[in-house]
Amino acid sequence: MSFGKLQLPLTLIVLLTSVVADVERTIYYKNVPPNAAGLYSFEFQTSNGITTKGAGNEHGAVGVVQYVSREGIPITFSYVADANGYQPTGDHLPAIPSHVLRQLEYIRTHPRVDERKSRRW
C-alpha cells in the first residue's frame, strides 16, 4: 500500500482523535476508592459540560449526572441503586403510564398461577 493511500485514513484518525480529546477532556476529577467498610465516592467534570457525583457502599449507590443535550437542553438526573434495583429520576424521563401501574398492582395483589395446572390440554 502506498503512502498516498494511507495519508487520508491517517489524517482522519488524527483529526478525530483531536476532536474526541477536546470533547472528553476532564477538567476536574476526585476519586475516593472503597475503604475497608466499602464506602467510596467520586466526582468529575469534563470540558464539554458533563458533571457527575456519586457515592456508595456495599448496600448501594446514589449519584447525580448533569449535561446539556444535543438540543441545548440542560439535563439533570439522579439515581439510586440498591436492593430494589437501579432507579433513575429526572424531569426528562417519561412517566410510567397509569395502565402499567394498574397491571403491576394487579400482579402484586393476585396469587401466582401454576402454569401446569392452568393448561387444559
PDB file of N, CA and C in Angstrom:
ATOM      1  N   MET A   1       0.853  -1.169   0.000  1.00  0.00           N
ATOM      2  CA  MET A   1       0.000   0.000   0.000  1.00  0.00           C
ATOM      3  C   MET A   1       0.899   1.233   0.000  1.00  0.00           C
ATOM      4  N   SER A   2       0.581   2.224  -0.809  1.00  0.00           N
ATOM      5  CA  SER A   2       1.417   3.417  -0.903  1.00  0.00           C
ATOM      6  C   SER A   2       1.073   4.388   0.212  1.00  0.00           C
ATOM      7  N   PHE A   3       1.988   5.340   0.439  1.00  0.00           N
ATOM      8  CA  PHE A   3       1.778   6.345   1.469  1.00  0.00           C
ATOM      9  C   PHE A   3       0.554   7.207   1.159  1.00  0.00           C
ATOM     10  N   GLY A   4       0.299   7.459  -0.122  1.00  0.00           N
ATOM     11  CA  GLY A   4      -0.857   8.263  -0.526  1.00  0.00           C
ATOM     12  C   GLY A   4      -2.166   7.642  -0.090  1.00  0.00           C
ATOM     13  N   LYS A   5      -2.246   6.321  -0.153  1.00  0.00           N
ATOM     14  CA  LYS A   5      -3.474   5.632   0.265  1.00  0.00           C
ATOM     15  C   LYS A   5      -3.618   5.645   1.785  1.00  0.00           C
ATOM     16  N   LEU A   6      -2.510   5.728   2.510  1.00  0.00           N
ATOM     17  CA  LEU A   6      -2.554   5.770   3.969  1.00  0.00           C
ATOM     18  C   LEU A   6      -2.786   7.182   4.492  1.00  0.00           C
ATOM     19  N   GLN A   7      -2.452   8.183   3.687  1.00  0.00           N
ATOM     20  CA  GLN A   7      -2.489   9.550   4.180  1.00  0.00           C
ATOM     21  C   GLN A   7      -3.887   9.978   4.616  1.00  0.00           C
ATOM     22  N   LEU A   8      -4.916   9.702   3.809  1.00  0.00           N
ATOM     23  CA  LEU A   8      -6.269  10.117   4.163  1.00  0.00           C
ATOM     24  C   LEU A   8      -6.760   9.434   5.441  1.00  0.00           C
ATOM     25  N   PRO A   9      -6.655   8.092   5.562  1.00  0.00           N
ATOM     26  CA  PRO A   9      -7.089   7.476   6.822  1.00  0.00           C
ATOM     27  C   PRO A   9      -6.308   7.981   8.029  1.00  0.00           C
ATOM     28  N   LEU A  10      -5.004   8.181   7.874  1.00  0.00           N
ATOM     29  CA  LEU A  10      -4.210   8.689   8.995  1.00  0.00           C
ATOM     30  C   LEU A  10      -4.616  10.107   9.360  1.00  0.00           C
ATOM     31  N   THR A  11      -4.902  10.932   8.352  1.00  0.00           N
ATOM     32  CA  THR A  11      -5.348  12.300   8.614  1.00  0.00           C
ATOM     33  C   THR A  11      -6.677  12.289   9.350  1.00  0.00           C
ATOM     34  N   LEU A  12      -7.598  11.424   8.925  1.00  0.00           N
ATOM     35  CA  LEU A  12      -8.891  11.323   9.602  1.00  0.00           C
ATOM     36  C   LEU A  12      -8.730  10.863  11.049  1.00  0.00           C
ATOM     37  N   ILE A  13      -7.858   9.906  11.281  1.00  0.00           N
ATOM     38  CA  ILE A  13      -7.630   9.415  12.641  1.00  0.00           C
ATOM     39  C   ILE A  13      -7.084  10.531  13.515  1.00  0.00           C
ATOM     40  N   VAL A  14      -6.128  11.286  12.996  1.00  0.00           N
ATOM     41  CA  VAL A  14      -5.557  12.389  13.771  1.00  0.00           C
ATOM     42  C   VAL A  14      -6.617  13.443  14.067  1.00  0.00           C
ATOM     43  N   LEU A  15      -7.430  13.804  13.061  1.00  0.00           N
ATOM     44  CA  LEU A  15      -8.487  14.790  13.273  1.00  0.00           C
ATOM     45  C   LEU A  15      -9.520  14.305  14.282  1.00  0.00           C
ATOM     46  N   LEU A  16      -9.971  13.069  14.135  1.00  0.00           N
ATOM     47  CA  LEU A  16     -10.962  12.524  15.071  1.00  0.00           C
ATOM     48  C   LEU A  16     -10.401  12.428  16.477  1.00  0.00           C
ATOM     49  N   THR A  17      -9.141  12.040  16.594  1.00  0.00           N
ATOM     50  CA  THR A  17      -8.515  11.939  17.913  1.00  0.00           C
ATOM     51  C   THR A  17      -8.454  13.305  18.574  1.00  0.00           C
ATOM     52  N   SER A  18      -8.116  14.335  17.816  1.00  0.00           N
ATOM     53  CA  SER A  18      -8.043  15.667  18.412  1.00  0.00           C
ATOM     54  C   SER A  18      -9.422  16.178  18.797  1.00  0.00           C
ATOM     55  N   VAL A  19     -10.455  15.873  17.991  1.00  0.00           N
ATOM     56  CA  VAL A  19     -11.816  16.290  18.321  1.00  0.00           C
ATOM     57  C   VAL A  19     -12.296  15.565  19.566  1.00  0.00           C
ATOM     58  N   VAL A  20     -12.090  14.260  19.628  1.00  0.00           N
ATOM     59  CA  VAL A  20     -12.524  13.480  20.786  1.00  0.00           C
ATOM     60  C   VAL A  20     -11.782  13.940  22.029  1.00  0.00           C
ATOM     61  N   ALA A  21     -10.503  14.219  21.896  1.00  0.00           N
ATOM     62  CA  ALA A  21      -9.722  14.665  23.051  1.00  0.00           C
ATOM     63  C   ALA A  21     -10.272  15.980  23.588  1.00  0.00           C
ATOM     64  N   ASP A  22     -10.693  16.905  22.707  1.00  0.00           N
ATOM     65  CA  ASP A  22     -11.249  18.168  23.159  1.00  0.00           C
ATOM     66  C   ASP A  22     -12.603  17.966  23.826  1.00  0.00           C
ATOM     67  N   VAL A  23     -13.414  17.084  23.283  1.00  0.00           N
ATOM     68  CA  VAL A  23     -14.752  16.857  23.813  1.00  0.00           C
ATOM     69  C   VAL A  23     -14.699  16.193  25.177  1.00  0.00           C
ATOM     70  N   GLU A  24     -13.800  15.287  25.379  1.00  0.00           N
ATOM     71  CA  GLU A  24     -13.802  14.481  26.592  1.00  0.00           C
ATOM     72  C   GLU A  24     -12.730  14.868  27.606  1.00  0.00           C
ATOM     73  N   ARG A  25     -12.166  16.045  27.488  1.00  0.00           N
ATOM     74  CA  ARG A  25     -11.116  16.444  28.418  1.00  0.00           C
ATOM     75  C   ARG A  25     -11.701  16.620  29.820  1.00  0.00           C
ATOM     76  N   THR A  26     -11.109  15.981  30.779  1.00  0.00           N
ATOM     77  CA  THR A  26     -11.537  16.097  32.166  1.00  0.00           C
ATOM     78  C   THR A  26     -10.891  17.328  32.775  1.00  0.00           C
ATOM     79  N   ILE A  27     -11.721  18.216  33.353  1.00  0.00           N
ATOM     80  CA  ILE A  27     -11.156  19.410  33.968  1.00  0.00           C
ATOM     81  C   ILE A  27     -11.162  19.331  35.490  1.00  0.00           C
ATOM     82  N   TYR A  28     -11.912  18.386  36.032  1.00  0.00           N
ATOM     83  CA  TYR A  28     -11.915  18.178  37.481  1.00  0.00           C
ATOM     84  C   TYR A  28     -12.189  16.709  37.739  1.00  0.00           C
ATOM     85  N   TYR A  29     -11.440  16.129  38.650  1.00  0.00           N
ATOM     86  CA  TYR A  29     -11.612  14.711  38.955  1.00  0.00           C
ATOM     87  C   TYR A  29     -11.237  14.466  40.405  1.00  0.00           C
ATOM     88  N   LYS A  30     -12.111  13.802  41.120  1.00  0.00           N
ATOM     89  CA  LYS A  30     -11.831  13.412  42.506  1.00  0.00           C
ATOM     90  C   LYS A  30     -12.391  12.006  42.691  1.00  0.00           C
ATOM     91  N   ASN A  31     -11.579  11.117  43.192  1.00  0.00           N
ATOM     92  CA  ASN A  31     -11.993   9.735  43.392  1.00  0.00           C
ATOM     93  C   ASN A  31     -11.509   9.264  44.750  1.00  0.00           C
ATOM     94  N   VAL A  32     -12.424   8.755  45.547  1.00  0.00           N
ATOM     95  CA  VAL A  32     -12.079   8.143  46.822  1.00  0.00           C
ATOM     96  C   VAL A  32     -12.413   6.667  46.690  1.00  0.00           C
ATOM     97  N   PRO A  33     -11.401   5.819  46.505  1.00  0.00           N
ATOM     98  CA  PRO A  33     -11.669   4.390  46.316  1.00  0.00           C
ATOM     99  C   PRO A  33     -12.280   3.764  47.577  1.00  0.00           C
ATOM    100  N   PRO A  34     -12.878   2.604  47.429  1.00  0.00           N
ATOM    101  CA  PRO A  34     -13.526   1.960  48.582  1.00  0.00           C
ATOM    102  C   PRO A  34     -12.556   1.743  49.735  1.00  0.00           C
ATOM    103  N   ASN A  35     -13.036   2.081  50.931  1.00  0.00           N
ATOM    104  CA  ASN A  35     -12.235   1.813  52.132  1.00  0.00           C
ATOM    105  C   ASN A  35     -12.586   0.429  52.665  1.00  0.00           C
ATOM    106  N   ALA A  36     -12.098   0.101  53.849  1.00  0.00           N
ATOM    107  CA  ALA A  36     -12.322  -1.229  54.423  1.00  0.00           C
ATOM    108  C   ALA A  36     -13.813  -1.523  54.628  1.00  0.00           C
ATOM    109  N   ALA A  37     -14.597  -0.473  54.873  1.00  0.00           N
ATOM    110  CA  ALA A  37     -16.040  -0.645  55.079  1.00  0.00           C
ATOM    111  C   ALA A  37     -16.811  -0.647  53.759  1.00  0.00           C
ATOM    112  N   GLY A  38     -16.129  -0.412  52.630  1.00  0.00           N
ATOM    113  CA  GLY A  38     -16.780  -0.418  51.337  1.00  0.00           C
ATOM    114  C   GLY A  38     -17.311   0.933  50.881  1.00  0.00           C
ATOM    115  N   LEU A  39     -17.059   1.988  51.651  1.00  0.00           N
ATOM    116  CA  LEU A  39     -17.530   3.318  51.283  1.00  0.00           C
ATOM    117  C   LEU A  39     -16.634   3.911  50.199  1.00  0.00           C
ATOM    118  N   TYR A  40     -17.243   4.524  49.191  1.00  0.00           N
ATOM    119  CA  TYR A  40     -16.482   5.168  48.122  1.00  0.00           C
ATOM    120  C   TYR A  40     -17.240   6.389  47.624  1.00  0.00           C
ATOM    121  N   SER A  41     -16.531   7.262  46.903  1.00  0.00           N
ATOM    122  CA  SER A  41     -17.173   8.403  46.265  1.00  0.00           C
ATOM    123  C   SER A  41     -16.328   8.852  45.090  1.00  0.00           C
ATOM    124  N   PHE A  42     -16.966   9.583  44.189  1.00  0.00           N
ATOM    125  CA  PHE A  42     -16.264  10.122  43.031  1.00  0.00           C
ATOM    126  C   PHE A  42     -17.020  11.329  42.515  1.00  0.00           C
ATOM    127  N   GLU A  43     -16.316  12.177  41.817  1.00  0.00           N
ATOM    128  CA  GLU A  43     -16.941  13.281  41.102  1.00  0.00           C
ATOM    129  C   GLU A  43     -15.977  13.745  40.020  1.00  0.00           C
ATOM    130  N   PHE A  44     -16.555  14.200  38.907  1.00  0.00           N
ATOM    131  CA  PHE A  44     -15.724  14.756  37.854  1.00  0.00           C
ATOM    132  C   PHE A  44     -16.534  15.692  36.975  1.00  0.00           C
ATOM    133  N   GLN A  45     -15.809  16.519  36.253  1.00  0.00           N
ATOM    134  CA  GLN A  45     -16.413  17.433  35.295  1.00  0.00           C
ATOM    135  C   GLN A  45     -15.536  17.440  34.057  1.00  0.00           C
ATOM    136  N   THR A  46     -16.184  17.465  32.886  1.00  0.00           N
ATOM    137  CA  THR A  46     -15.437  17.482  31.630  1.00  0.00           C
ATOM    138  C   THR A  46     -15.593  18.832  30.948  1.00  0.00           C
ATOM    139  N   SER A  47     -14.745  19.072  29.982  1.00  0.00           N
ATOM    140  CA  SER A  47     -14.759  20.349  29.279  1.00  0.00           C
ATOM    141  C   SER A  47     -16.017  20.550  28.442  1.00  0.00           C
ATOM    142  N   ASN A  48     -16.758  19.486  28.143  1.00  0.00           N
ATOM    143  CA  ASN A  48     -17.998  19.643  27.373  1.00  0.00           C
ATOM    144  C   ASN A  48     -19.230  19.757  28.270  1.00  0.00           C
ATOM    145  N   GLY A  49     -19.035  20.000  29.564  1.00  0.00           N
ATOM    146  CA  GLY A  49     -20.151  20.300  30.456  1.00  0.00           C
ATOM    147  C   GLY A  49     -20.752  19.136  31.207  1.00  0.00           C
ATOM    148  N   ILE A  50     -20.182  17.957  31.108  1.00  0.00           N
ATOM    149  CA  ILE A  50     -20.706  16.815  31.858  1.00  0.00           C
ATOM    150  C   ILE A  50     -20.165  16.883  33.283  1.00  0.00           C
ATOM    151  N   THR A  51     -21.066  16.775  34.246  1.00  0.00           N
ATOM    152  CA  THR A  51     -20.683  16.758  35.656  1.00  0.00           C
ATOM    153  C   THR A  51     -21.371  15.572  36.299  1.00  0.00           C
ATOM    154  N   THR A  52     -20.652  14.864  37.139  1.00  0.00           N
ATOM    155  CA  THR A  52     -21.262  13.742  37.844  1.00  0.00           C
ATOM    156  C   THR A  52     -20.658  13.594  39.228  1.00  0.00           C
ATOM    157  N   LYS A  53     -21.481  13.156  40.145  1.00  0.00           N
ATOM    158  CA  LYS A  53     -21.056  12.859  41.509  1.00  0.00           C
ATOM    159  C   LYS A  53     -21.746  11.575  41.924  1.00  0.00           C
ATOM    160  N   GLY A  54     -21.057  10.770  42.686  1.00  0.00           N
ATOM    161  CA  GLY A  54     -21.650   9.534  43.161  1.00  0.00           C
ATOM    162  C   GLY A  54     -20.965   9.044  44.408  1.00  0.00           C
ATOM    163  N   ALA A  55     -21.670   8.244  45.162  1.00  0.00           N
ATOM    164  CA  ALA A  55     -21.119   7.659  46.382  1.00  0.00           C
ATOM    165  C   ALA A  55     -21.885   6.381  46.671  1.00  0.00           C
ATOM    166  N   GLY A  56     -21.260   5.515  47.412  1.00  0.00           N
ATOM    167  CA  GLY A  56     -21.949   4.285  47.740  1.00  0.00           C
ATOM    168  C   GLY A  56     -21.202   3.444  48.735  1.00  0.00           C
ATOM    169  N   ASN A  57     -21.793   2.296  48.995  1.00  0.00           N
ATOM    170  CA  ASN A  57     -21.205   1.297  49.876  1.00  0.00           C
ATOM    171  C   ASN A  57     -21.684  -0.070  49.395  1.00  0.00           C
ATOM    172  N   GLU A  58     -21.477  -1.077  50.215  1.00  0.00           N
ATOM    173  CA  GLU A  58     -21.843  -2.427  49.797  1.00  0.00           C
ATOM    174  C   GLU A  58     -23.346  -2.627  49.629  1.00  0.00           C
ATOM    175  N   HIS A  59     -24.145  -1.689  50.135  1.00  0.00           N
ATOM    176  CA  HIS A  59     -25.600  -1.831  50.054  1.00  0.00           C
ATOM    177  C   HIS A  59     -26.218  -1.062  48.898  1.00  0.00           C
ATOM    178  N   GLY A  60     -25.438  -0.209  48.242  1.00  0.00           N
ATOM    179  CA  GLY A  60     -25.999   0.543  47.129  1.00  0.00           C
ATOM    180  C   GLY A  60     -25.203   1.786  46.813  1.00  0.00           C
ATOM    181  N   ALA A  61     -25.778   2.591  45.932  1.00  0.00           N
ATOM    182  CA  ALA A  61     -25.110   3.805  45.493  1.00  0.00           C
ATOM    183  C   ALA A  61     -26.138   4.878  45.176  1.00  0.00           C
ATOM    184  N   VAL A  62     -25.708   6.130  45.256  1.00  0.00           N
ATOM    185  CA  VAL A  62     -26.517   7.274  44.855  1.00  0.00           C
ATOM    186  C   VAL A  62     -25.636   8.192  44.031  1.00  0.00           C
ATOM    187  N   GLY A  63     -26.263   8.974  43.170  1.00  0.00           N
ATOM    188  CA  GLY A  63     -25.472   9.900  42.381  1.00  0.00           C
ATOM    189  C   GLY A  63     -26.336  10.842  41.588  1.00  0.00           C
ATOM    190  N   VAL A  64     -25.666  11.767  40.927  1.00  0.00           N
ATOM    191  CA  VAL A  64     -26.331  12.744  40.081  1.00  0.00           C
ATOM    192  C   VAL A  64     -25.447  12.982  38.859  1.00  0.00           C
ATOM    193  N   VAL A  65     -26.096  13.177  37.709  1.00  0.00           N
ATOM    194  CA  VAL A  65     -25.401  13.441  36.454  1.00  0.00           C
ATOM    195  C   VAL A  65     -26.049  14.666  35.823  1.00  0.00           C
ATOM    196  N   GLN A  66     -25.212  15.586  35.309  1.00  0.00           N
ATOM    197  CA  GLN A  66     -25.709  16.771  34.625  1.00  0.00           C
ATOM    198  C   GLN A  66     -24.967  16.933  33.315  1.00  0.00           C
ATOM    199  N   TYR A  67     -25.714  17.303  32.272  1.00  0.00           N
ATOM    200  CA  TYR A  67     -25.106  17.583  30.978  1.00  0.00           C
ATOM    201  C   TYR A  67     -26.094  18.387  30.143  1.00  0.00           C
ATOM    202  N   VAL A  68     -25.646  18.865  28.996  1.00  0.00           N
ATOM    203  CA  VAL A  68     -26.512  19.587  28.073  1.00  0.00           C
ATOM    204  C   VAL A  68     -26.759  18.680  26.880  1.00  0.00           C
ATOM    205  N   SER A  69     -28.041  18.493  26.534  1.00  0.00           N
ATOM    206  CA  SER A  69     -28.400  17.609  25.429  1.00  0.00           C
ATOM    207  C   SER A  69     -27.984  18.234  24.100  1.00  0.00           C
ATOM    208  N   ARG A  70     -28.062  17.445  23.035  1.00  0.00           N
ATOM    209  CA  ARG A  70     -27.736  17.951  21.695  1.00  0.00           C
ATOM    210  C   ARG A  70     -28.661  19.097  21.288  1.00  0.00           C
ATOM    211  N   GLU A  71     -29.849  19.128  21.863  1.00  0.00           N
ATOM    212  CA  GLU A  71     -30.805  20.192  21.559  1.00  0.00           C
ATOM    213  C   GLU A  71     -30.558  21.437  22.414  1.00  0.00           C
ATOM    214  N   GLY A  72     -29.559  21.383  23.286  1.00  0.00           N
ATOM    215  CA  GLY A  72     -29.237  22.523  24.138  1.00  0.00           C
ATOM    216  C   GLY A  72     -30.017  22.572  25.432  1.00  0.00           C
ATOM    217  N   ILE A  73     -30.689  21.492  25.774  1.00  0.00           N
ATOM    218  CA  ILE A  73     -31.495  21.436  26.996  1.00  0.00           C
ATOM    219  C   ILE A  73     -30.646  20.902  28.141  1.00  0.00           C
ATOM    220  N   PRO A  74     -30.576  21.632  29.265  1.00  0.00           N
ATOM    221  CA  PRO A  74     -29.844  21.110  30.426  1.00  0.00           C
ATOM    222  C   PRO A  74     -30.565  19.883  30.995  1.00  0.00           C
ATOM    223  N   ILE A  75     -29.837  18.819  31.183  1.00  0.00           N
ATOM    224  CA  ILE A  75     -30.393  17.570  31.703  1.00  0.00           C
ATOM    225  C   ILE A  75     -29.743  17.281  33.055  1.00  0.00           C
ATOM    226  N   THR A  76     -30.565  16.980  34.029  1.00  0.00           N
ATOM    227  CA  THR A  76     -30.081  16.554  35.343  1.00  0.00           C
ATOM    228  C   THR A  76     -30.875  15.333  35.744  1.00  0.00           C
ATOM    229  N   PHE A  77     -30.181  14.280  36.112  1.00  0.00           N
ATOM    230  CA  PHE A  77     -30.883  13.143  36.687  1.00  0.00           C
ATOM    231  C   PHE A  77     -30.088  12.591  37.845  1.00  0.00           C
ATOM    232  N   SER A  78     -30.823  12.062  38.786  1.00  0.00           N
ATOM    233  CA  SER A  78     -30.201  11.425  39.939  1.00  0.00           C
ATOM    234  C   SER A  78     -30.583   9.953  39.913  1.00  0.00           C
ATOM    235  N   TYR A  79     -29.858   9.180  40.671  1.00  0.00           N
ATOM    236  CA  TYR A  79     -30.148   7.748  40.697  1.00  0.00           C
ATOM    237  C   TYR A  79     -29.849   7.167  42.072  1.00  0.00           C
ATOM    238  N   VAL A  80     -30.541   6.092  42.325  1.00  0.00           N
ATOM    239  CA  VAL A  80     -30.300   5.256  43.497  1.00  0.00           C
ATOM    240  C   VAL A  80     -30.184   3.838  42.964  1.00  0.00           C
ATOM    241  N   ALA A  81     -29.196   3.129  43.412  1.00  0.00           N
ATOM    242  CA  ALA A  81     -29.047   1.718  43.045  1.00  0.00           C
ATOM    243  C   ALA A  81     -28.895   0.943  44.349  1.00  0.00           C
ATOM    244  N   ASP A  82     -29.866   0.090  44.620  1.00  0.00           N
ATOM    245  CA  ASP A  82     -29.842  -0.662  45.867  1.00  0.00           C
ATOM    246  C   ASP A  82     -30.537  -2.012  45.660  1.00  0.00           C
ATOM    247  N   ALA A  83     -31.017  -2.594  46.727  1.00  0.00           N
ATOM    248  CA  ALA A  83     -31.669  -3.896  46.631  1.00  0.00           C
ATOM    249  C   ALA A  83     -32.920  -3.853  45.752  1.00  0.00           C
ATOM    250  N   ASN A  84     -33.482  -2.673  45.545  1.00  0.00           N
ATOM    251  CA  ASN A  84     -34.664  -2.519  44.698  1.00  0.00           C
ATOM    252  C   ASN A  84     -34.315  -2.243  43.238  1.00  0.00           C
ATOM    253  N   GLY A  85     -33.028  -2.294  42.888  1.00  0.00           N
ATOM    254  CA  GLY A  85     -32.604  -2.076  41.513  1.00  0.00           C
ATOM    255  C   GLY A  85     -32.133  -0.655  41.252  1.00  0.00           C
ATOM    256  N   TYR A  86     -31.907  -0.357  39.985  1.00  0.00           N
ATOM    257  CA  TYR A  86     -31.465   0.962  39.545  1.00  0.00           C
ATOM    258  C   TYR A  86     -32.691   1.837  39.352  1.00  0.00           C
ATOM    259  N   GLN A  87     -32.712   2.989  40.025  1.00  0.00           N
ATOM    260  CA  GLN A  87     -33.881   3.862  39.994  1.00  0.00           C
ATOM    261  C   GLN A  87     -33.480   5.283  39.621  1.00  0.00           C
ATOM    262  N   PRO A  88     -33.471   5.602  38.335  1.00  0.00           N
ATOM    263  CA  PRO A  88     -33.148   6.970  37.926  1.00  0.00           C
ATOM    264  C   PRO A  88     -34.368   7.881  38.055  1.00  0.00           C
ATOM    265  N   THR A  89     -34.137   9.152  38.343  1.00  0.00           N
ATOM    266  CA  THR A  89     -35.209  10.145  38.372  1.00  0.00           C
ATOM    267  C   THR A  89     -34.720  11.404  37.664  1.00  0.00           C
ATOM    268  N   GLY A  90     -35.626  12.058  36.967  1.00  0.00           N
ATOM    269  CA  GLY A  90     -35.298  13.297  36.270  1.00  0.00           C
ATOM    270  C   GLY A  90     -36.486  13.765  35.473  1.00  0.00           C
ATOM    271  N   ASP A  91     -36.562  15.073  35.257  1.00  0.00           N
ATOM    272  CA  ASP A  91     -37.695  15.641  34.521  1.00  0.00           C
ATOM    273  C   ASP A  91     -37.759  15.159  33.083  1.00  0.00           C
ATOM    274  N   HIS A  92     -36.637  14.764  32.512  1.00  0.00           N
ATOM    275  CA  HIS A  92     -36.609  14.343  31.110  1.00  0.00           C
ATOM    276  C   HIS A  92     -37.043  12.892  30.921  1.00  0.00           C
ATOM    277  N   LEU A  93     -37.144  12.135  31.994  1.00  0.00           N
ATOM    278  CA  LEU A  93     -37.538  10.728  31.895  1.00  0.00           C
ATOM    279  C   LEU A  93     -39.058  10.619  31.802  1.00  0.00           C
ATOM    280  N   PRO A  94     -39.556   9.763  30.941  1.00  0.00           N
ATOM    281  CA  PRO A  94     -41.012   9.630  30.810  1.00  0.00           C
ATOM    282  C   PRO A  94     -41.621   8.988  32.059  1.00  0.00           C
ATOM    283  N   ALA A  95     -42.842   9.383  32.347  1.00  0.00           N
ATOM    284  CA  ALA A  95     -43.566   8.804  33.477  1.00  0.00           C
ATOM    285  C   ALA A  95     -44.071   7.417  33.094  1.00  0.00           C
ATOM    286  N   ILE A  96     -44.244   6.572  34.098  1.00  0.00           N
ATOM    287  CA  ILE A  96     -44.801   5.242  33.851  1.00  0.00           C
ATOM    288  C   ILE A  96     -46.293   5.413  33.575  1.00  0.00           C
ATOM    289  N   PRO A  97     -46.788   4.890  32.460  1.00  0.00           N
ATOM    290  CA  PRO A  97     -48.212   5.034  32.142  1.00  0.00           C
ATOM    291  C   PRO A  97     -49.092   4.403  33.227  1.00  0.00           C
ATOM    292  N   SER A  98     -50.252   4.991  33.451  1.00  0.00           N
ATOM    293  CA  SER A  98     -51.146   4.522  34.509  1.00  0.00           C
ATOM    294  C   SER A  98     -51.596   3.081  34.281  1.00  0.00           C
ATOM    295  N   HIS A  99     -51.782   2.659  33.031  1.00  0.00           N
ATOM    296  CA  HIS A  99     -52.213   1.274  32.797  1.00  0.00           C
ATOM    297  C   HIS A  99     -51.121   0.284  33.213  1.00  0.00           C
ATOM    298  N   VAL A 100     -49.864   0.671  33.097  1.00  0.00           N
ATOM    299  CA  VAL A 100     -48.782  -0.210  33.539  1.00  0.00           C
ATOM    300  C   VAL A 100     -48.779  -0.299  35.059  1.00  0.00           C
ATOM    301  N   LEU A 101     -49.007   0.828  35.726  1.00  0.00           N
ATOM    302  CA  LEU A 101     -49.079   0.806  37.189  1.00  0.00           C
ATOM    303  C   LEU A 101     -50.233  -0.076  37.668  1.00  0.00           C
ATOM    304  N   ARG A 102     -51.391  -0.007  36.984  1.00  0.00           N
ATOM    305  CA  ARG A 102     -52.521  -0.860  37.346  1.00  0.00           C
ATOM    306  C   ARG A 102     -52.192  -2.334  37.129  1.00  0.00           C
ATOM    307  N   GLN A 103     -51.491  -2.649  36.031  1.00  0.00           N
ATOM    308  CA  GLN A 103     -51.110  -4.036  35.770  1.00  0.00           C
ATOM    309  C   GLN A 103     -50.156  -4.561  36.840  1.00  0.00           C
ATOM    310  N   LEU A 104     -49.202  -3.736  37.211  1.00  0.00           N
ATOM    311  CA  LEU A 104     -48.259  -4.151  38.252  1.00  0.00           C
ATOM    312  C   LEU A 104     -48.967  -4.366  39.589  1.00  0.00           C
ATOM    313  N   GLU A 105     -49.911  -3.503  39.896  1.00  0.00           N
ATOM    314  CA  GLU A 105     -50.679  -3.654  41.131  1.00  0.00           C
ATOM    315  C   GLU A 105     -51.515  -4.940  41.090  1.00  0.00           C
ATOM    316  N   TYR A 106     -52.106  -5.251  39.960  1.00  0.00           N
ATOM    317  CA  TYR A 106     -52.873  -6.482  39.808  1.00  0.00           C
ATOM    318  C   TYR A 106     -51.973  -7.702  40.040  1.00  0.00           C
ATOM    319  N   ILE A 107     -50.820  -7.684  39.431  1.00  0.00           N
ATOM    320  CA  ILE A 107     -49.882  -8.800  39.599  1.00  0.00           C
ATOM    321  C   ILE A 107     -49.480  -8.947  41.061  1.00  0.00           C
ATOM    322  N   ARG A 108     -49.228  -7.818  41.712  1.00  0.00           N
ATOM    323  CA  ARG A 108     -48.785  -7.852  43.108  1.00  0.00           C
ATOM    324  C   ARG A 108     -49.868  -8.397  44.037  1.00  0.00           C
ATOM    325  N   THR A 109     -51.133  -8.120  43.739  1.00  0.00           N
ATOM    326  CA  THR A 109     -52.220  -8.479  44.664  1.00  0.00           C
ATOM    327  C   THR A 109     -52.914  -9.800  44.339  1.00  0.00           C
ATOM    328  N   HIS A 110     -52.516 -10.474  43.270  1.00  0.00           N
ATOM    329  CA  HIS A 110     -53.143 -11.743  42.913  1.00  0.00           C
ATOM    330  C   HIS A 110     -52.146 -12.892  43.041  1.00  0.00           C
ATOM    331  N   PRO A 111     -52.657 -14.079  43.387  1.00  0.00           N
ATOM    332  CA  PRO A 111     -51.750 -15.219  43.559  1.00  0.00           C
ATOM    333  C   PRO A 111     -51.126 -15.645  42.233  1.00  0.00           C
ATOM    334  N   ARG A 112     -49.986 -16.258  42.351  1.00  0.00           N
ATOM    335  CA  ARG A 112     -49.314 -16.787  41.165  1.00  0.00           C
ATOM    336  C   ARG A 112     -50.121 -17.930  40.579  1.00  0.00           C
ATOM    337  N   VAL A 113     -50.024 -18.107  39.295  1.00  0.00           N
ATOM    338  CA  VAL A 113     -50.734 -19.171  38.590  1.00  0.00           C
ATOM    339  C   VAL A 113     -49.764 -20.328  38.364  1.00  0.00           C
ATOM    340  N   ASP A 114     -50.262 -21.536  38.694  1.00  0.00           N
ATOM    341  CA  ASP A 114     -49.482 -22.738  38.397  1.00  0.00           C
ATOM    342  C   ASP A 114     -49.725 -23.062  36.926  1.00  0.00           C
ATOM    343  N   GLU A 115     -48.716 -22.827  36.099  1.00  0.00           N
ATOM    344  CA  GLU A 115     -48.878 -22.975  34.653  1.00  0.00           C
ATOM    345  C   GLU A 115     -49.290 -24.395  34.253  1.00  0.00           C
ATOM    346  N   ARG A 116     -48.765 -25.402  34.902  1.00  0.00           N
ATOM    347  CA  ARG A 116     -49.113 -26.784  34.536  1.00  0.00           C
ATOM    348  C   ARG A 116     -50.572 -27.088  34.845  1.00  0.00           C
ATOM    349  N   LYS A 117     -51.052 -26.599  35.961  1.00  0.00           N
ATOM    350  CA  LYS A 117     -52.458 -26.845  36.324  1.00  0.00           C
ATOM    351  C   LYS A 117     -53.415 -26.007  35.493  1.00  0.00           C
ATOM    352  N   SER A 118     -52.954 -24.884  35.001  1.00  0.00           N
ATOM    353  CA  SER A 118     -53.849 -23.988  34.262  1.00  0.00           C
ATOM    354  C   SER A 118     -54.051 -24.417  32.811  1.00  0.00           C
ATOM    355  N   ARG A 119     -53.249 -25.311  32.313  1.00  0.00           N
ATOM    356  CA  ARG A 119     -53.389 -25.779  30.918  1.00  0.00           C
ATOM    357  C   ARG A 119     -54.532 -26.793  30.835  1.00  0.00           C
ATOM    358  N   ARG A 120     -55.286 -26.718  29.792  1.00  0.00           N
ATOM    359  CA  ARG A 120     -56.436 -27.598  29.647  1.00  0.00           C
ATOM    360  C   ARG A 120     -56.142 -28.743  28.682  1.00  0.00           C
ATOM    361  N   TRP A 121     -55.001 -28.837  28.088  1.00  0.00           N
ATOM    362  CA  TRP A 121     -54.718 -29.897  27.125  1.00  0.00           C
ATOM    363  C   TRP A 121     -53.720 -30.848  27.631  1.00  0.00           C
TER     364      TRP A 121
END
